[in-house]
C-alpha atoms as a PDB file:
ATOM      1  CA  MET A   1       0.148   0.140   0.017  1.00  0.00           C
ATOM      2  CA  SER A   2       1.359   3.304  -0.750  1.00  0.00           C
ATOM      3  CA  ASP A   3       2.239   6.165   1.497  1.00  0.00           C
ATOM      4  CA  GLY A   4      -0.494   8.187   0.719  1.00  0.00           C
ATOM      5  CA  VAL A   5      -3.179   5.530   1.508  1.00  0.00           C
ATOM      6  CA  LEU A   6      -1.827   4.807   4.626  1.00  0.00           C
ATOM      7  CA  GLU A   7      -1.612   8.248   5.812  1.00  0.00           C
ATOM      8  CA  ARG A   8      -5.579   8.828   4.771  1.00  0.00           C
ATOM      9  CA  VAL A   9      -5.811   5.677   6.744  1.00  0.00           C
ATOM     10  CA  ARG A  10      -4.312   7.405   9.637  1.00  0.00           C
ATOM     11  CA  GLU A  11      -6.759  10.640   9.210  1.00  0.00           C
ATOM     12  CA  LEU A  12      -9.461   8.708   9.273  1.00  0.00           C
ATOM     13  CA  LEU A  13      -8.824   6.548  12.250  1.00  0.00           C
ATOM     14  CA  GLY A  14      -8.237  10.126  14.163  1.00  0.00           C
ATOM     15  CA  PRO A  15      -5.203  11.044  16.096  1.00  0.00           C
ATOM     16  CA  ASP A  16      -4.710   8.027  17.821  1.00  0.00           C
ATOM     17  CA  GLY A  17      -2.962   6.552  14.750  1.00  0.00           C
ATOM     18  CA  ILE A  18      -3.282   3.123  13.223  1.00  0.00           C
ATOM     19  CA  GLN A  19      -4.073   0.611  16.200  1.00  0.00           C
ATOM     20  CA  PRO A  20      -4.869  -3.075  15.094  1.00  0.00           C
ATOM     21  CA  SER A  21      -7.911  -2.420  17.969  1.00  0.00           C
ATOM     22  CA  ALA A  22      -9.321  -0.133  15.962  1.00  0.00           C
ATOM     23  CA  MET A  23      -9.014  -2.183  12.681  1.00  0.00           C
ATOM     24  CA  ASN A  24     -11.619  -4.835  10.816  1.00  0.00           C
ATOM     25  CA  ASP A  25     -10.140  -7.640   9.460  1.00  0.00           C
ATOM     26  CA  GLU A  26      -9.955  -6.025   6.008  1.00  0.00           C
ATOM     27  CA  LEU A  27      -8.082  -3.116   7.126  1.00  0.00           C
ATOM     28  CA  ARG A  28      -5.414  -5.012   8.846  1.00  0.00           C
ATOM     29  CA  ASP A  29      -5.145  -7.479   6.038  1.00  0.00           C
ATOM     30  CA  LEU A  30      -4.541  -4.098   3.797  1.00  0.00           C
ATOM     31  CA  ILE A  31      -1.934  -2.599   5.510  1.00  0.00           C
ATOM     32  CA  ASN A  32      -0.177  -6.226   6.465  1.00  0.00           C
ATOM     33  CA  PRO A  33       2.894  -6.581   4.332  1.00  0.00           C
ATOM     34  CA  SER A  34       3.169 -10.611   4.812  1.00  0.00           C
ATOM     35  CA  ILE A  35      -0.571 -10.800   2.783  1.00  0.00           C
ATOM     36  CA  ALA A  36       0.092 -10.869  -0.607  1.00  0.00           C
ATOM     37  CA  ALA A  37      -2.689  -9.504  -3.272  1.00  0.00           C
ATOM     38  CA  ARG A  38      -3.701 -12.568  -5.345  1.00  0.00           C
ATOM     39  CA  PRO A  39      -6.777 -11.350  -7.562  1.00  0.00           C
ATOM     40  CA  LEU A  40      -9.338 -14.397  -8.113  1.00  0.00           C
ATOM     41  CA  HIS A  41      -9.037 -15.820 -11.611  1.00  0.00           C
ATOM     42  CA  LEU A  42     -12.119 -18.099 -12.504  1.00  0.00           C
ATOM     43  CA  PRO A  43     -11.889 -20.169 -15.833  1.00  0.00           C
ATOM     44  CA  GLU A  44     -12.763 -18.420 -18.826  1.00  0.00           C
ATOM     45  CA  SER A  45     -15.314 -21.028 -19.753  1.00  0.00           C
ATOM     46  CA  THR A  46     -16.701 -19.677 -22.988  1.00  0.00           C
ATOM     47  CA  ARG A  47     -12.917 -18.171 -24.304  1.00  0.00           C
ATOM     48  CA  VAL A  48     -11.298 -20.250 -27.030  1.00  0.00           C
ATOM     49  CA  ARG A  49      -7.729 -20.587 -26.159  1.00  0.00           C
ATOM     50  CA  VAL A  50      -6.646 -21.725 -30.093  1.00  0.00           C
ATOM     51  CA  PHE A  51      -8.848 -21.392 -32.997  1.00  0.00           C
ATOM     52  CA  LYS A  52      -7.410 -24.780 -35.079  1.00  0.00           C
ATOM     53  CA  ASN A  53      -9.837 -24.439 -38.183  1.00  0.00           C
ATOM     54  CA  LYS A  54      -9.760 -20.796 -39.391  1.00  0.00           C
ATOM     55  CA  GLU A  55     -11.962 -21.390 -42.064  1.00  0.00           C
ATOM     56  CA  PHE A  56     -15.002 -20.741 -39.956  1.00  0.00           C
ATOM     57  CA  HIS A  57     -16.670 -18.580 -37.850  1.00  0.00           C
ATOM     58  CA  TYR A  58     -17.259 -19.397 -34.283  1.00  0.00           C
ATOM     59  CA  HIS A  59     -20.514 -18.395 -31.987  1.00  0.00           C
ATOM     60  CA  TRP A  60     -22.120 -19.781 -29.093  1.00  0.00           C
ATOM     61  CA  ALA A  61     -25.891 -20.482 -29.441  1.00  0.00           C
ATOM     62  CA  PHE A  62     -28.683 -21.419 -26.994  1.00  0.00           C
ATOM     63  CA  ASP A  63     -29.254 -24.980 -26.701  1.00  0.00           C
ATOM     64  CA  ARG A  64     -31.138 -26.234 -23.319  1.00  0.00           C
ATOM     65  CA  CYS A  65     -30.913 -29.611 -22.149  1.00  0.00           C
ATOM     66  CA  GLY A  66     -32.364 -31.558 -19.152  1.00  0.00           C
ATOM     67  CA  SER A  67     -35.795 -31.706 -18.106  1.00  0.00           C
ATOM     68  CA  ASP A  68     -37.192 -29.085 -20.319  1.00  0.00           C
ATOM     69  CA  PRO A  69     -34.752 -29.211 -23.147  1.00  0.00           C
ATOM     70  CA  ARG A  70     -34.961 -26.466 -25.756  1.00  0.00           C
ATOM     71  CA  HIS A  71     -33.139 -27.125 -28.787  1.00  0.00           C
ATOM     72  CA  GLU A  72     -35.184 -25.258 -31.775  1.00  0.00           C
ATOM     73  CA  ARG A  73     -32.581 -22.511 -32.122  1.00  0.00           C
ATOM     74  CA  VAL A  74     -29.356 -24.587 -32.738  1.00  0.00           C
ATOM     75  CA  GLU A  75     -31.637 -26.871 -34.771  1.00  0.00           C
ATOM     76  CA  ARG A  76     -32.734 -23.407 -36.842  1.00  0.00           C
ATOM     77  CA  LEU A  77     -28.906 -22.035 -37.499  1.00  0.00           C
ATOM     78  CA  ARG A  78     -28.320 -25.976 -38.555  1.00  0.00           C
ATOM     79  CA  GLY A  79     -30.723 -25.603 -41.139  1.00  0.00           C
ATOM     80  CA  ALA A  80     -29.226 -22.178 -42.233  1.00  0.00           C
ATOM     81  CA  GLY A  81     -25.917 -23.901 -42.468  1.00  0.00           C
ATOM     82  CA  TRP A  82     -24.571 -23.863 -39.124  1.00  0.00           C
ATOM     83  CA  GLU A  83     -22.528 -27.047 -37.735  1.00  0.00           C
ATOM     84  CA  TYR A  84     -21.704 -27.961 -34.013  1.00  0.00           C
ATOM     85  CA  ALA A  85     -17.849 -27.329 -33.576  1.00  0.00           C
ATOM     86  CA  THR A  86     -15.596 -30.071 -32.547  1.00  0.00           C
ATOM     87  CA  THR A  87     -12.628 -30.196 -30.501  1.00  0.00           C
ATOM     88  CA  ALA A  88     -10.737 -30.364 -33.961  1.00  0.00           C
ATOM     89  CA  ASP A  89     -11.611 -26.972 -34.536  1.00  0.00           C
ATOM     90  CA  VAL A  90     -11.024 -25.034 -31.028  1.00  0.00           C
ATOM     91  CA  GLU A  91      -9.097 -25.418 -28.217  1.00  0.00           C
ATOM     92  CA  MET A  92     -10.877 -24.347 -25.446  1.00  0.00           C
ATOM     93  CA  PHE A  93      -9.394 -22.540 -22.339  1.00  0.00           C
ATOM     94  CA  SER A  94     -11.620 -24.556 -19.896  1.00  0.00           C
ATOM     95  CA  ALA A  95     -11.406 -28.401 -19.990  1.00  0.00           C
ATOM     96  CA  ASP A  96     -14.961 -28.529 -18.539  1.00  0.00           C
ATOM     97  CA  THR A  97     -16.614 -26.963 -21.573  1.00  0.00           C
ATOM     98  CA  VAL A  98     -15.190 -29.985 -23.759  1.00  0.00           C
ATOM     99  CA  LYS A  99     -18.143 -32.066 -22.772  1.00  0.00           C
ATOM    100  CA  ASN A 100     -16.661 -34.703 -26.018  1.00  0.00           C
ATOM    101  CA  LYS A 101     -14.938 -34.369 -28.794  1.00  0.00           C
ATOM    102  CA  ASN A 102     -18.182 -33.162 -30.977  1.00  0.00           C
ATOM    103  CA  GLU A 103     -19.522 -31.536 -28.138  1.00  0.00           C
ATOM    104  CA  ILE A 104     -18.190 -27.980 -26.777  1.00  0.00           C
ATOM    105  CA  ARG A 105     -21.220 -26.893 -23.760  1.00  0.00           C
ATOM    106  CA  ILE A 106     -20.974 -24.648 -20.920  1.00  0.00           C
ATOM    107  CA  GLY A 107     -24.532 -24.967 -19.173  1.00  0.00           C
ATOM    108  CA  ASP A 108     -26.952 -23.856 -22.088  1.00  0.00           C
ATOM    109  CA  LEU A 109     -25.122 -22.401 -24.600  1.00  0.00           C
ATOM    110  CA  ARG A 110     -23.163 -24.896 -27.058  1.00  0.00           C
ATOM    111  CA  LEU A 111     -20.214 -23.858 -29.546  1.00  0.00           C
ATOM    112  CA  MET A 112     -21.495 -23.674 -33.033  1.00  0.00           C
ATOM    113  CA  LYS A 113     -19.770 -22.850 -36.773  1.00  0.00           C
ATOM    114  CA  ILE A 114     -20.008 -21.814 -40.106  1.00  0.00           C
ATOM    115  CA  PRO A 115     -18.049 -21.334 -42.888  1.00  0.00           C
ATOM    116  CA  GLU A 116     -15.848 -18.027 -42.750  1.00  0.00           C
ATOM    117  CA  MET A 117     -17.195 -16.719 -46.163  1.00  0.00           C
ATOM    118  CA  ARG A 118     -20.607 -17.083 -45.481  1.00  0.00           C
ATOM    119  CA  TRP A 119     -20.363 -15.396 -41.844  1.00  0.00           C
ATOM    120  CA  ARG A 120     -19.071 -12.555 -43.939  1.00  0.00           C
ATOM    121  CA  GLU A 121     -22.318 -12.811 -46.189  1.00  0.00           C
ATOM    122  CA  ILE A 122     -24.421 -12.416 -43.302  1.00  0.00           C
ATOM    123  CA  ARG A 123     -23.002  -9.871 -41.687  1.00  0.00           C
ATOM    124  CA  LYS A 124     -23.058  -7.907 -45.008  1.00  0.00           C
ATOM    125  CA  ALA A 125     -26.587  -8.498 -45.553  1.00  0.00           C
ATOM    126  CA  GLN A 126     -27.263  -7.598 -41.875  1.00  0.00           C
ATOM    127  CA  ASN A 127     -25.146  -3.969 -42.289  1.00  0.00           C
ATOM    128  CA  LEU A 128     -26.739  -3.149 -45.350  1.00  0.00           C
ATOM    129  CA  ALA A 129     -30.338  -3.731 -44.174  1.00  0.00           C
ATOM    130  CA  ALA A 130     -29.141  -1.609 -41.217  1.00  0.00           C
ATOM    131  CA  LEU A 131     -27.728   0.981 -43.210  1.00  0.00           C
ATOM    132  CA  ASP A 132     -31.231   0.998 -45.572  1.00  0.00           C
ATOM    133  CA  GLN A 133     -33.186   1.290 -42.179  1.00  0.00           C
ATOM    134  CA  ILE A 134     -31.408   5.250 -41.880  1.00  0.00           C
ATOM    135  CA  ASN A 135     -31.591   5.884 -45.435  1.00  0.00           C
ATOM    136  CA  PRO A 136     -34.456   8.450 -46.362  1.00  0.00           C
ATOM    137  CA  ARG A 137     -34.101   7.826 -49.613  1.00  0.00           C
ATOM    138  CA  ARG A 138     -34.241   3.612 -49.311  1.00  0.00           C
ATOM    139  CA  ALA A 139     -35.449   1.981 -52.484  1.00  0.00           C
ATOM    140  CA  SER A 140     -37.220  -0.472 -50.256  1.00  0.00           C
ATOM    141  CA  LYS A 141     -40.087   1.116 -49.347  1.00  0.00           C
ATOM    142  CA  GLY A 142     -39.673   4.411 -50.583  1.00  0.00           C
ATOM    143  CA  PRO A 143     -38.526   7.443 -49.137  1.00  0.00           C
ATOM    144  CA  MET A 144     -38.511   7.944 -45.295  1.00  0.00           C
ATOM    145  CA  SER A 145     -40.458  10.403 -43.315  1.00  0.00           C
ATOM    146  CA  LEU A 146     -39.279  12.301 -40.048  1.00  0.00           C
ATOM    147  CA  GLN A 147     -41.473  10.294 -38.132  1.00  0.00           C
ATOM    148  CA  SER A 148     -39.823   7.116 -39.285  1.00  0.00           C
ATOM    149  CA  MET A 149     -36.874   8.193 -38.345  1.00  0.00           C
ATOM    150  CA  ASP A 150     -38.138   9.152 -35.117  1.00  0.00           C
ATOM    151  CA  PRO A 151     -41.305   6.990 -34.006  1.00  0.00           C
ATOM    152  CA  ASN A 152     -40.891   8.255 -30.482  1.00  0.00           C
ATOM    153  CA  MET A 153     -41.526  12.019 -31.729  1.00  0.00           C
ATOM    154  CA  LYS A 154     -44.147  14.289 -34.152  1.00  0.00           C
ATOM    155  CA  HIS A 155     -42.277  16.313 -36.692  1.00  0.00           C
ATOM    156  CA  TYR A 156     -43.700  18.757 -39.174  1.00  0.00           C
ATOM    157  CA  HIS A 157     -42.869  22.181 -41.004  1.00  0.00           C
ATOM    158  CA  VAL A 158     -44.392  25.232 -40.570  1.00  0.00           C
ATOM    159  CA  ASP A 159     -43.137  28.579 -41.950  1.00  0.00           C
ATOM    160  CA  ASP A 160     -43.639  32.459 -40.654  1.00  0.00           C
ATOM    161  CA  GLU A 161     -46.630  33.197 -41.441  1.00  0.00           C
ATOM    162  CA  THR A 162     -48.371  29.505 -40.095  1.00  0.00           C
ATOM    163  CA  ILE A 163     -46.745  30.410 -36.618  1.00  0.00           C
ATOM    164  CA  ARG A 164     -48.098  34.111 -36.539  1.00  0.00           C
ATOM    165  CA  ALA A 165     -51.566  32.628 -38.075  1.00  0.00           C
ATOM    166  CA  ALA A 166     -51.486  30.304 -34.890  1.00  0.00           C
ATOM    167  CA  ALA A 167     -50.115  32.820 -32.239  1.00  0.00           C
ATOM    168  CA  ARG A 168     -52.279  34.270 -29.494  1.00  0.00           C
ATOM    169  CA  ASN A 169     -52.297  37.972 -28.917  1.00  0.00           C
ATOM    170  CA  VAL A 170     -52.237  38.905 -25.425  1.00  0.00           C
ATOM    171  CA  ASP A 171     -51.350  42.824 -26.068  1.00  0.00           C
ATOM    172  CA  THR A 172     -54.950  44.015 -26.833  1.00  0.00           C
ATOM    173  CA  PRO A 173     -56.623  47.303 -25.415  1.00  0.00           C
ATOM    174  CA  GLU A 174     -58.992  45.136 -23.072  1.00  0.00           C
ATOM    175  CA  SER A 175     -56.020  43.181 -21.678  1.00  0.00           C
ATOM    176  CA  ARG A 176     -54.117  46.570 -20.989  1.00  0.00           C
ATOM    177  CA  GLU A 177     -57.094  48.035 -18.802  1.00  0.00           C
ATOM    178  CA  ALA A 178     -56.703  44.663 -17.110  1.00  0.00           C
ATOM    179  CA  MET A 179     -53.229  45.300 -16.513  1.00  0.00           C
ATOM    180  CA  ARG A 180     -53.159  48.778 -15.463  1.00  0.00           C
ATOM    181  CA  LYS A 181     -56.133  48.030 -12.879  1.00  0.00           C
ATOM    182  CA  ALA A 182     -53.581  44.978 -11.429  1.00  0.00           C
ATOM    183  CA  GLY A 183     -51.253  46.942 -11.001  1.00  0.00           C
ATOM    184  CA  LYS A 184     -48.960  45.110 -13.405  1.00  0.00           C
ATOM    185  CA  SER A 185     -46.889  45.864 -16.689  1.00  0.00           C
ATOM    186  CA  PRO A 186     -47.802  44.203 -19.659  1.00  0.00           C
ATOM    187  CA  GLU A 187     -44.116  42.862 -19.549  1.00  0.00           C
ATOM    188  CA  ASP A 188     -45.050  40.907 -16.567  1.00  0.00           C
ATOM    189  CA  VAL A 189     -48.354  39.140 -18.444  1.00  0.00           C
ATOM    190  CA  ILE A 190     -46.506  38.339 -21.750  1.00  0.00           C
ATOM    191  CA  ALA A 191     -43.887  37.150 -19.561  1.00  0.00           C
ATOM    192  CA  ALA A 192     -46.472  34.888 -17.268  1.00  0.00           C
ATOM    193  CA  MET A 193     -48.273  33.370 -20.413  1.00  0.00           C
ATOM    194  CA  ALA A 194     -45.379  32.755 -22.074  1.00  0.00           C
ATOM    195  CA  SER A 195     -44.495  29.140 -20.433  1.00  0.00           C
ATOM    196  CA  GLY A 196     -43.225  26.347 -21.174  1.00  0.00           C
ATOM    197  CA  ASN A 197     -41.618  25.760 -24.736  1.00  0.00           C
ATOM    198  CA  ALA A 198     -43.887  29.190 -25.798  1.00  0.00           C
ATOM    199  CA  SER A 199     -42.421  31.895 -27.147  1.00  0.00           C
ATOM    200  CA  VAL A 200     -42.901  35.613 -27.762  1.00  0.00           C
ATOM    201  CA  ALA A 201     -43.163  37.181 -30.910  1.00  0.00           C
ATOM    202  CA  ARG A 202     -43.055  40.867 -31.154  1.00  0.00           C
ATOM    203  CA  VAL A 203     -45.678  42.155 -33.817  1.00  0.00           C
ATOM    204  CA  GLN A 204     -45.026  45.544 -35.361  1.00  0.00           C
ATOM    205  CA  GLN A 205     -48.323  47.025 -36.209  1.00  0.00           C
ATOM    206  CA  ASP A 206     -49.090  49.432 -39.179  1.00  0.00           C
ATOM    207  CA  THR A 207     -49.993  53.090 -37.846  1.00  0.00           C
ATOM    208  CA  GLU A 208     -51.619  55.477 -40.001  1.00  0.00           C
END
């Protein structure tokens, strides 16, 4: 432990300094130089140590066994060209992952493989589909609207004339008289009414 950390511990424990009776077990171990700091390294069950067959791409797929088996995911992948990985394909970090030479499994996950070129074709198709979704001029479903880009927000375009036509005029002779009687200035009332995301538009009136 560094001198700075040790000094900080002394400050926290008060003027009596570091006394064993004032420490809990973790703090005593922390400043005890006879105890080495050795982190816990769990076996990396799903990590592959060596990819022997580099002609394939590897992926863990859900495959539950036991009293309530579910093999739909791996069966669908097999129908799409995936195969089960074997010990001839990879060497695992954890020996417990290898059930037999044709089954590499950890819990409900089983290692599968697919030819590298086929995987690259799949990823390219996925990336093109993702790009198509954000393309405003996509050919698949026509031009994308602003609502489609952000379905949680409503968008619309307006011009200055539309905004002014929908504006609320609070500066009228009647409102001025009411404000005079209430002892308020026009600016006070306008500021109070322009709340939330409203804004104030100053309109210059023509005079004859």
